Protein backbone atom coordinates (compact mmCIF):
# COMPACT_ATOMS: atom_id res chain seq x y z
CA MET A 1 35.25 -7.54 101.42
CA GLY A 2 35.41 -4.38 103.42
CA ASP A 3 39.11 -3.02 103.27
CA MET A 4 40.77 -5.72 102.51
CA PRO A 5 43.03 -5.61 98.78
CA GLU A 6 41.56 -8.25 95.88
CA VAL A 7 43.67 -11.50 95.43
CA GLY A 8 41.72 -13.48 93.28
CA ASN A 9 38.75 -15.59 92.89
CA ARG A 10 40.43 -18.29 94.53
CA ASN A 11 38.58 -20.59 97.43
CA GLU A 12 40.97 -22.11 99.39
CA PRO A 13 44.05 -19.63 100.92
CA ARG A 14 47.50 -19.92 98.87
CA ARG A 15 50.11 -21.46 100.89
CA TRP A 16 52.94 -21.02 99.26
CA SER A 17 54.81 -24.38 98.35
CA ARG A 18 58.94 -24.23 99.15
CA ARG A 19 59.95 -25.41 95.64
CA LYS A 20 58.70 -21.49 94.98
CA LEU A 21 59.61 -19.55 98.15
CA LEU A 22 63.17 -21.54 97.29
CA SER A 23 63.66 -20.46 93.63
CA GLY A 24 62.23 -17.23 95.24
CA MET A 25 65.30 -17.10 96.81
CA GLY A 26 68.01 -18.01 95.17
CA VAL A 27 67.83 -14.68 93.88
CA VAL A 28 67.36 -12.69 96.46
CA MET A 29 69.58 -14.84 99.50
CA GLY A 30 72.73 -13.30 97.04
CA ALA A 31 71.40 -9.81 98.42
CA ALA A 32 70.51 -10.00 101.61
CA ALA A 33 73.63 -11.51 101.79
CA ALA A 34 75.67 -8.58 100.05
CA PRO A 35 78.13 -6.90 102.19
CA GLY A 36 76.51 -3.74 104.14
CA THR A 37 73.39 -5.29 104.29
CA LEU A 38 73.73 -5.66 108.51
CA GLU A 39 73.30 -1.81 108.80
CA THR A 40 69.22 -2.55 107.41
CA PRO A 41 67.90 -1.74 110.41
CA LEU A 42 64.93 -4.49 110.54
CA ARG A 43 61.17 -3.18 112.52
CA ILE A 44 59.80 -5.23 114.70
CA ALA A 45 57.17 -4.48 116.15
CA ILE A 46 53.64 -6.60 117.66
CA SER A 47 50.70 -5.16 118.71
CA GLU A 48 49.49 -5.10 122.45
CA GLN A 49 46.46 -6.23 121.44
CA ALA A 50 47.79 -9.56 119.90
CA VAL A 51 48.15 -10.78 122.50
CA PRO A 52 45.69 -11.11 125.28
CA GLY A 53 45.93 -12.83 128.88
CA VAL A 54 49.83 -13.11 128.00
CA ASN A 55 52.08 -11.18 130.99
CA ARG A 56 54.16 -8.57 128.60
CA ASN A 57 57.34 -8.95 130.77
CA ASP A 58 57.40 -12.76 129.51
CA ALA A 59 56.56 -11.65 126.54
CA ALA A 60 59.52 -9.13 125.83
CA ALA A 61 61.56 -11.14 127.21
CA ALA A 62 60.73 -14.33 124.49
CA LEU A 63 60.15 -12.49 121.59
CA ALA A 64 63.83 -10.18 122.42
CA VAL A 65 65.68 -13.52 122.43
CA TRP A 66 63.88 -14.87 118.87
CA ALA A 67 64.31 -11.95 117.64
CA ASP A 68 67.98 -11.53 117.57
CA GLU A 69 67.71 -14.85 116.42
CA MET A 70 65.56 -14.65 112.99
CA ALA A 71 67.30 -11.38 112.31
CA LYS A 72 70.96 -13.05 112.18
CA ALA A 73 69.76 -16.25 110.45
CA VAL A 74 68.78 -13.31 107.33
CA ASN A 75 71.82 -11.08 108.12
CA LEU A 76 69.30 -8.77 109.06
CA ARG A 77 70.22 -5.79 112.52
CA LEU A 78 67.38 -4.83 114.43
CA ALA A 79 66.55 -1.47 114.94
CA ASP A 80 65.51 -1.25 118.34
CA LYS A 81 63.96 -4.37 121.04
CA VAL A 82 60.31 -2.73 121.93
CA TRP A 83 58.34 -5.70 120.19
CA LEU A 84 55.22 -5.28 122.41
CA ARG A 85 53.37 -1.42 121.65
CA PRO A 86 50.24 0.03 122.28
CA SER A 87 48.30 -0.78 118.98
CA ALA A 88 47.37 2.78 117.84
CA GLU A 89 51.88 3.61 117.79
CA VAL A 90 52.41 -0.10 115.86
CA LEU A 91 49.42 1.69 113.18
CA ALA A 92 50.95 4.60 112.94
CA ALA A 93 54.40 3.66 112.75
CA LEU A 94 53.58 1.20 109.62
CA ARG A 95 51.21 4.13 108.12
CA THR A 96 54.72 6.67 107.78
CA GLY A 97 56.85 3.69 107.42
CA ASN A 98 58.75 3.01 109.81
CA LEU A 99 58.38 -0.69 110.95
CA ASP A 100 59.06 -4.25 108.03
CA LEU A 101 57.41 -6.14 110.02
CA LEU A 102 54.07 -6.06 112.38
CA CYS A 103 52.40 -8.58 114.08
CA LEU A 104 48.07 -7.13 114.29
CA THR A 105 44.67 -8.45 114.77
CA VAL A 106 41.88 -8.71 112.19
CA PRO A 107 39.55 -5.35 113.18
CA GLU A 108 43.71 -2.96 113.40
CA TYR A 109 44.30 -4.18 109.82
CA ARG A 110 40.21 -3.37 108.35
CA ARG A 111 42.38 0.63 109.52
CA VAL A 112 45.92 -0.43 107.82
CA ALA A 113 44.91 -2.45 104.77
CA ALA A 114 46.39 -0.66 102.12
CA PHE A 115 50.30 -0.63 103.87
CA LEU A 116 50.00 -4.27 104.10
CA ASP A 117 51.90 -6.93 101.57
CA THR A 118 48.78 -9.24 101.92
CA GLU A 119 50.70 -11.89 99.21
CA ARG A 120 52.44 -13.02 101.66
CA VAL A 121 50.67 -13.72 104.99
CA LEU A 122 51.11 -16.12 108.65
CA THR A 123 49.41 -17.42 110.34
CA ASP A 124 48.48 -20.18 112.26
CA GLY A 125 45.58 -21.19 109.46
CA GLY A 126 42.88 -20.24 112.21
CA GLN A 127 40.88 -21.93 114.84
CA GLU A 128 37.38 -23.07 115.20
CA MET A 129 35.75 -20.96 118.92
CA TRP A 130 33.79 -24.19 120.40
CA VAL A 131 31.63 -23.69 122.94
CA MET A 132 31.29 -26.04 125.67
CA ALA A 133 28.34 -26.62 128.27
CA ALA A 134 27.99 -30.05 130.70
CA GLN A 135 25.68 -32.48 129.62
CA GLY A 136 22.74 -32.71 131.01
CA SER A 137 22.87 -28.90 131.68
CA GLY A 138 20.18 -28.02 129.46
CA ILE A 139 22.58 -26.02 127.06
CA THR A 140 21.83 -27.25 123.61
CA LYS A 141 22.08 -24.13 121.70
CA LEU A 142 23.36 -21.27 121.96
CA SER A 143 19.62 -20.01 123.04
CA GLY A 144 19.95 -21.89 125.49
CA LEU A 145 22.93 -19.54 127.29
CA ALA A 146 19.39 -17.15 127.96
CA GLY A 147 20.33 -16.03 131.33
CA ARG A 148 23.32 -18.20 131.99
CA HIS A 149 27.15 -17.83 133.37
CA LEU A 150 29.58 -18.21 129.93
CA ILE A 151 32.78 -18.14 130.64
CA ILE A 152 35.52 -16.76 128.05
CA LEU A 153 38.99 -17.80 127.09
CA ASP A 154 41.43 -14.89 126.78
CA SER A 155 43.95 -15.73 124.88
CA PRO A 156 45.32 -14.67 121.22
CA GLN A 157 43.23 -17.73 119.69
CA THR A 158 40.50 -15.91 120.42
CA GLN A 159 40.43 -12.67 119.69
CA LEU A 160 37.15 -12.89 117.65
CA VAL A 161 34.84 -14.70 120.00
CA ASP A 162 32.91 -11.46 121.02
CA ALA A 163 32.82 -10.03 117.63
CA TRP A 164 31.38 -13.81 116.25
CA LEU A 165 29.25 -14.28 120.22
CA THR A 166 27.20 -10.88 118.90
CA GLY A 167 25.82 -11.90 115.10
CA ALA A 168 25.68 -15.92 116.16
CA LEU A 169 23.62 -15.01 119.54
CA PHE A 170 21.51 -12.00 117.82
CA LYS A 171 20.75 -15.14 115.53
CA GLU A 172 19.14 -16.81 117.92
CA GLY A 173 16.95 -14.03 119.35
CA LEU A 174 19.04 -13.26 122.01
CA SER A 175 19.89 -9.00 122.15
CA GLY A 176 19.92 -8.24 124.84
CA LYS A 177 16.18 -8.96 126.23
CA GLU A 178 18.17 -12.05 128.65
CA PRO A 179 21.94 -11.23 128.60
CA VAL A 180 24.00 -13.82 128.84
CA ARG A 181 26.13 -13.53 132.08
CA VAL A 182 30.09 -13.11 130.58
CA THR A 183 33.50 -13.23 132.68
CA ARG A 184 37.25 -13.70 131.49
CA GLN A 185 39.55 -16.43 132.42
CA THR A 186 43.00 -16.15 130.96
CA ARG A 187 44.27 -19.46 131.97
CA PRO A 188 42.44 -22.53 129.74
CA ALA A 189 41.74 -24.66 133.06
CA GLN A 190 40.40 -21.39 134.96
CA ALA A 191 38.05 -21.58 131.73
CA ILE A 192 37.12 -25.05 131.22
CA LEU A 193 37.29 -26.81 134.32
CA PRO A 194 34.57 -24.59 136.61
CA VAL A 195 32.09 -26.08 133.30
CA PHE A 196 32.92 -29.53 133.91
CA PHE A 197 32.44 -28.72 138.35
CA GLY A 198 29.30 -26.96 137.81
CA GLN A 199 30.10 -23.76 138.34
CA ALA A 200 29.43 -22.09 135.55
CA ASP A 201 27.55 -22.66 132.61
CA ALA A 202 29.47 -22.86 129.98
CA CYS A 203 32.22 -21.79 127.97
CA VAL A 204 34.70 -20.03 124.63
CA ALA A 205 37.94 -21.84 124.02
CA SER A 206 39.10 -22.63 120.74
CA LYS A 207 39.01 -25.95 119.38
CA ARG A 208 42.82 -26.92 119.82
CA THR A 209 43.10 -25.68 123.29
CA VAL A 210 39.31 -27.39 124.29
CA GLU A 211 41.32 -30.83 122.08
CA THR A 212 44.50 -30.68 124.37
CA MET A 213 42.56 -30.44 127.89
CA TYR A 214 40.70 -33.19 126.90
CA GLU A 215 43.92 -35.18 126.42
CA LEU A 216 45.05 -33.99 129.47
CA ASN A 217 41.96 -35.28 131.17
CA PRO A 218 39.46 -37.85 128.74
CA GLN A 219 36.83 -37.03 131.88
CA LEU A 220 36.33 -33.60 130.26
CA GLY A 221 35.82 -34.97 127.04
CA LYS A 222 33.60 -37.49 128.72
CA LYS A 223 31.27 -34.89 130.47
CA LEU A 224 31.65 -31.75 127.83
CA ARG A 225 29.09 -30.94 125.02
CA VAL A 226 30.17 -28.34 121.52
CA VAL A 227 26.82 -26.08 121.65
CA GLN A 228 27.96 -24.52 119.13
CA ALA A 229 31.54 -23.98 116.66
CA SER A 230 31.93 -21.17 115.04
CA PRO A 231 34.35 -21.14 111.84
CA LYS A 232 37.50 -20.66 111.74
CA LEU A 233 39.30 -17.81 112.71
CA VAL A 234 42.45 -15.94 113.21
CA GLY A 235 43.60 -14.19 115.45
CA ALA A 236 46.08 -12.21 114.93
CA PHE A 237 49.09 -13.01 111.77
CA MET A 238 51.73 -11.11 110.85
CA ALA A 239 53.29 -9.32 107.61
CA CYS A 240 55.39 -7.47 106.82
CA ARG A 241 53.72 -3.24 104.90
CA LYS A 242 53.70 -3.44 100.85
CA ASP A 243 57.09 -1.32 99.95
CA TYR A 244 59.17 -4.16 102.07
CA PRO A 245 61.64 -5.31 99.86
CA ALA A 246 61.63 -8.75 98.39
CA HIS A 247 65.34 -9.49 99.05
CA TYR A 248 64.61 -8.53 102.98
CA LYS A 249 60.57 -9.97 102.88
CA ILE A 250 60.97 -13.40 101.27
CA PRO A 251 64.04 -14.77 103.07
CA LEU A 252 62.31 -13.31 106.73
CA LEU A 253 58.75 -14.66 105.82
CA GLU A 254 60.52 -17.97 105.24
CA LYS A 255 62.75 -18.03 108.61
CA LEU A 256 59.24 -17.36 110.26
CA THR A 257 57.96 -20.63 109.52
CA GLN A 258 60.44 -23.09 110.75
CA ALA A 259 59.86 -21.09 114.16
CA ARG A 260 59.70 -24.17 116.12
CA ASP A 261 63.35 -25.56 114.63
CA SER A 262 64.39 -23.41 118.20
CA PRO A 263 64.08 -23.33 121.48
CA ALA A 264 63.14 -19.31 121.30
CA GLY A 265 60.69 -20.21 118.36
CA LYS A 266 58.89 -22.86 120.08
CA GLN A 267 58.47 -20.08 123.41
CA VAL A 268 57.24 -17.55 121.23
CA MET A 269 54.90 -20.01 119.50
CA THR A 270 53.09 -20.91 122.49
CA LEU A 271 52.83 -17.31 123.33
CA PHE A 272 51.19 -16.90 120.92
CA SER A 273 49.13 -20.19 121.40
CA SER A 274 49.52 -21.53 118.18
CA PHE A 275 51.17 -24.20 116.75
CA ASN A 276 53.08 -23.12 114.13
CA PHE A 277 52.73 -20.29 111.75
CA VAL A 278 51.90 -20.86 107.84
CA MET A 279 52.79 -18.96 104.68
CA THR A 280 49.56 -18.09 102.55
CA ASP A 281 48.01 -14.75 101.70
CA GLY A 282 45.29 -12.64 102.77
CA GLU A 283 42.40 -14.76 101.84
CA VAL A 284 42.91 -16.90 104.81
CA LEU A 285 41.32 -13.30 106.25
CA ARG A 286 37.97 -13.22 105.04
CA PRO A 287 35.62 -15.13 107.23
CA SER A 288 36.89 -13.82 109.87
CA LEU A 289 37.05 -10.42 108.19
CA ALA A 290 33.28 -10.80 107.69
CA VAL A 291 32.52 -12.22 111.26
CA VAL A 292 33.25 -8.26 112.20
CA GLU A 293 31.91 -6.78 109.22
CA GLY A 294 28.56 -8.28 110.22
CA ALA A 295 29.64 -7.61 114.05
CA GLU A 296 29.91 -3.80 113.21
CA LYS A 297 26.29 -3.35 111.15
CA LEU A 298 25.18 -5.70 113.95
CA ASN A 299 24.92 -2.85 117.34
CA GLU A 300 24.79 -0.08 114.59
CA VAL A 301 21.49 -1.22 113.77
CA LEU A 302 21.11 -2.31 117.45
CA LEU A 303 22.14 1.09 118.68
CA THR A 304 19.67 2.60 115.64
CA GLU A 305 17.19 1.05 117.33
CA LYS A 306 17.57 2.07 120.91
CA ARG A 307 17.34 5.71 119.53
């Protein structure tokens, strides 16, 4: 599909078993711990597009502590501490072999797929996006959003909401005749509570975010209803460049799956609105790639029709 490397005919993403990882690490850890290894710098970057709605200073501080901790755990030193960087800069560095590990969005991935190792990627497994409306609002399907006010939660998990809604709304006959009025918020309460109090007609947030809000305020679950859910979408993911040596790559990625084991790692997970990183393969990206490609084709058709 698109620029995605062929990963076989598996129907489900492949998760790397701990036994398989450890057996591979048994061969490579000796190399990772060899004298002089600390002189090999680990170059990390996170695209700014991967963390929308996040305070840049808070993100930089959290990432600096966590990256330093992670690098020491696998016996590597860090090249620098400028983790959060503009998209164009991150992609250019990857193309020229000047990055070892990066976090990027699916649209960005499509531009540099040939340079990434998608046999091993780290994601939170993806999240459903829920369009929520109040009971009694009369909004029972997406076509009911015509002329209404929709709040989109802007977060790392909701990266592909616009692309998904483009296709979903078009199928409901909403392609600009009666546009939906969209505003954005960066905090869950600011996106969801206005719908509860009747100040907005609907909102979009990840399933995980909505369920967390329900736990904090059970009344929300009694008044709000799911109008439509997306497939599981991956907002952003982490991967190494394709030719990064395996004796660094495997221990590094294994360490990343243990992020929640430390306070610094937990802080970064919160930053990414994620529960944990899971190591799998590029198959997990297929639904997200399909959504992005579908939205692009639809926009091209609509643009042609306007001409």
